[in-house]
Amino acid sequence: MRVLFFAQLKDVTGCESAEIEAASLDSERLWRELLKKFPALAAHRAATRLARNWEYAGPNAIFASGDEIALIPPVSGG
């Protein structure tokens, strides 16, 4: 799985993307894997949405090895 980070999440992780090696993961297990690699994401978890293959993913989503996952932080305008 390729995970993309946007906006302040790029700063928090220090990268634009990361690879997670797994056949499939539910949302909770995906977050656990991400927090192992990037503990600082914990402060942003509650406000961050997950997207799978360019569509927002619900709380019961299952992510597969070929998926592209995006972590979408809150958007502010001005």
Protein backbone atom coordinates (compact mmCIF):
# COMPACT_ATOMS: atom_id res chain seq x y z
CA MET A 1 0.00 0.00 0.00
CA ARG A 2 1.24 3.42 -0.85
CA VAL A 3 0.27 6.08 1.68
CA LEU A 4 0.32 9.75 0.69
CA PHE A 5 0.65 12.62 3.16
CA PHE A 6 -0.66 16.12 2.44
CA ALA A 7 -0.24 19.60 3.95
CA GLN A 8 0.97 19.60 7.57
CA LEU A 9 1.07 15.80 7.59
CA LYS A 10 4.06 15.97 5.24
CA ASP A 11 5.83 18.09 7.84
CA VAL A 12 4.85 15.74 10.67
CA THR A 13 6.10 12.63 8.85
CA GLY A 14 9.01 14.26 7.04
CA CYS A 15 7.95 12.67 3.75
CA GLU A 16 5.34 12.81 1.00
CA SER A 17 4.61 9.08 0.97
CA ALA A 18 5.36 5.75 2.63
CA GLU A 19 4.86 2.08 1.89
CA ILE A 20 2.95 -0.26 4.20
CA GLU A 21 3.51 -3.96 3.57
CA ALA A 22 0.31 -5.89 4.23
CA ALA A 23 -2.17 -7.97 2.25
CA SER A 24 -5.11 -6.12 3.78
CA LEU A 25 -5.85 -3.93 6.77
CA ASP A 26 -8.94 -2.36 8.24
CA SER A 27 -8.85 1.32 9.22
CA GLU A 28 -7.82 0.65 12.82
CA ARG A 29 -4.95 -1.66 11.86
CA LEU A 30 -3.82 0.79 9.18
CA TRP A 31 -3.63 3.56 11.78
CA ARG A 32 -1.66 1.28 14.12
CA GLU A 33 0.89 0.61 11.37
CA LEU A 34 1.14 4.29 10.52
CA LEU A 35 1.59 5.29 14.17
CA LYS A 36 4.40 2.74 14.55
CA LYS A 37 6.28 4.45 11.71
CA PHE A 38 5.16 8.01 12.47
CA PRO A 39 4.19 8.45 16.14
CA ALA A 40 3.65 12.20 15.68
CA LEU A 41 0.58 11.45 13.55
CA ALA A 42 -1.29 10.60 16.76
CA ALA A 43 -1.96 14.29 17.40
CA HIS A 44 -3.68 14.57 14.00
CA ARG A 45 -5.60 11.31 13.87
CA ALA A 46 -8.98 12.59 15.08
CA ALA A 47 -9.15 15.26 12.38
CA THR A 48 -7.61 13.28 9.50
CA ARG A 49 -9.72 11.49 6.88
CA LEU A 50 -8.59 8.43 4.98
CA ALA A 51 -9.10 8.07 1.25
CA ARG A 52 -8.61 4.91 -0.81
CA ASN A 53 -7.91 5.17 -4.53
CA TRP A 54 -9.14 8.79 -4.67
CA GLU A 55 -12.39 8.24 -2.75
CA TYR A 56 -13.04 8.92 0.92
CA ALA A 57 -13.01 5.71 2.93
CA GLY A 58 -15.53 4.97 5.65
CA PRO A 59 -14.66 3.69 9.13
CA ASN A 60 -15.21 0.06 8.05
CA ALA A 61 -13.04 0.25 4.94
CA ILE A 62 -10.61 -2.54 4.13
CA PHE A 63 -7.37 -1.49 2.47
CA ALA A 64 -5.61 -3.93 0.12
CA SER A 65 -1.98 -4.23 -0.97
CA GLY A 66 -2.47 -2.43 -4.30
CA ASP A 67 -4.37 0.53 -2.85
CA GLU A 68 -3.19 4.11 -2.79
CA ILE A 69 -4.20 5.66 0.50
CA ALA A 70 -4.23 9.37 1.26
CA LEU A 71 -4.31 10.98 4.67
CA ILE A 72 -6.36 14.14 4.28
CA PRO A 73 -6.01 16.77 7.00
CA PRO A 74 -8.69 19.38 7.64
CA VAL A 75 -8.85 22.03 4.95
CA SER A 76 -9.01 25.69 5.84
CA GLY A 77 -9.76 28.49 3.45
CA GLY A 78 -9.25 32.12 3.44
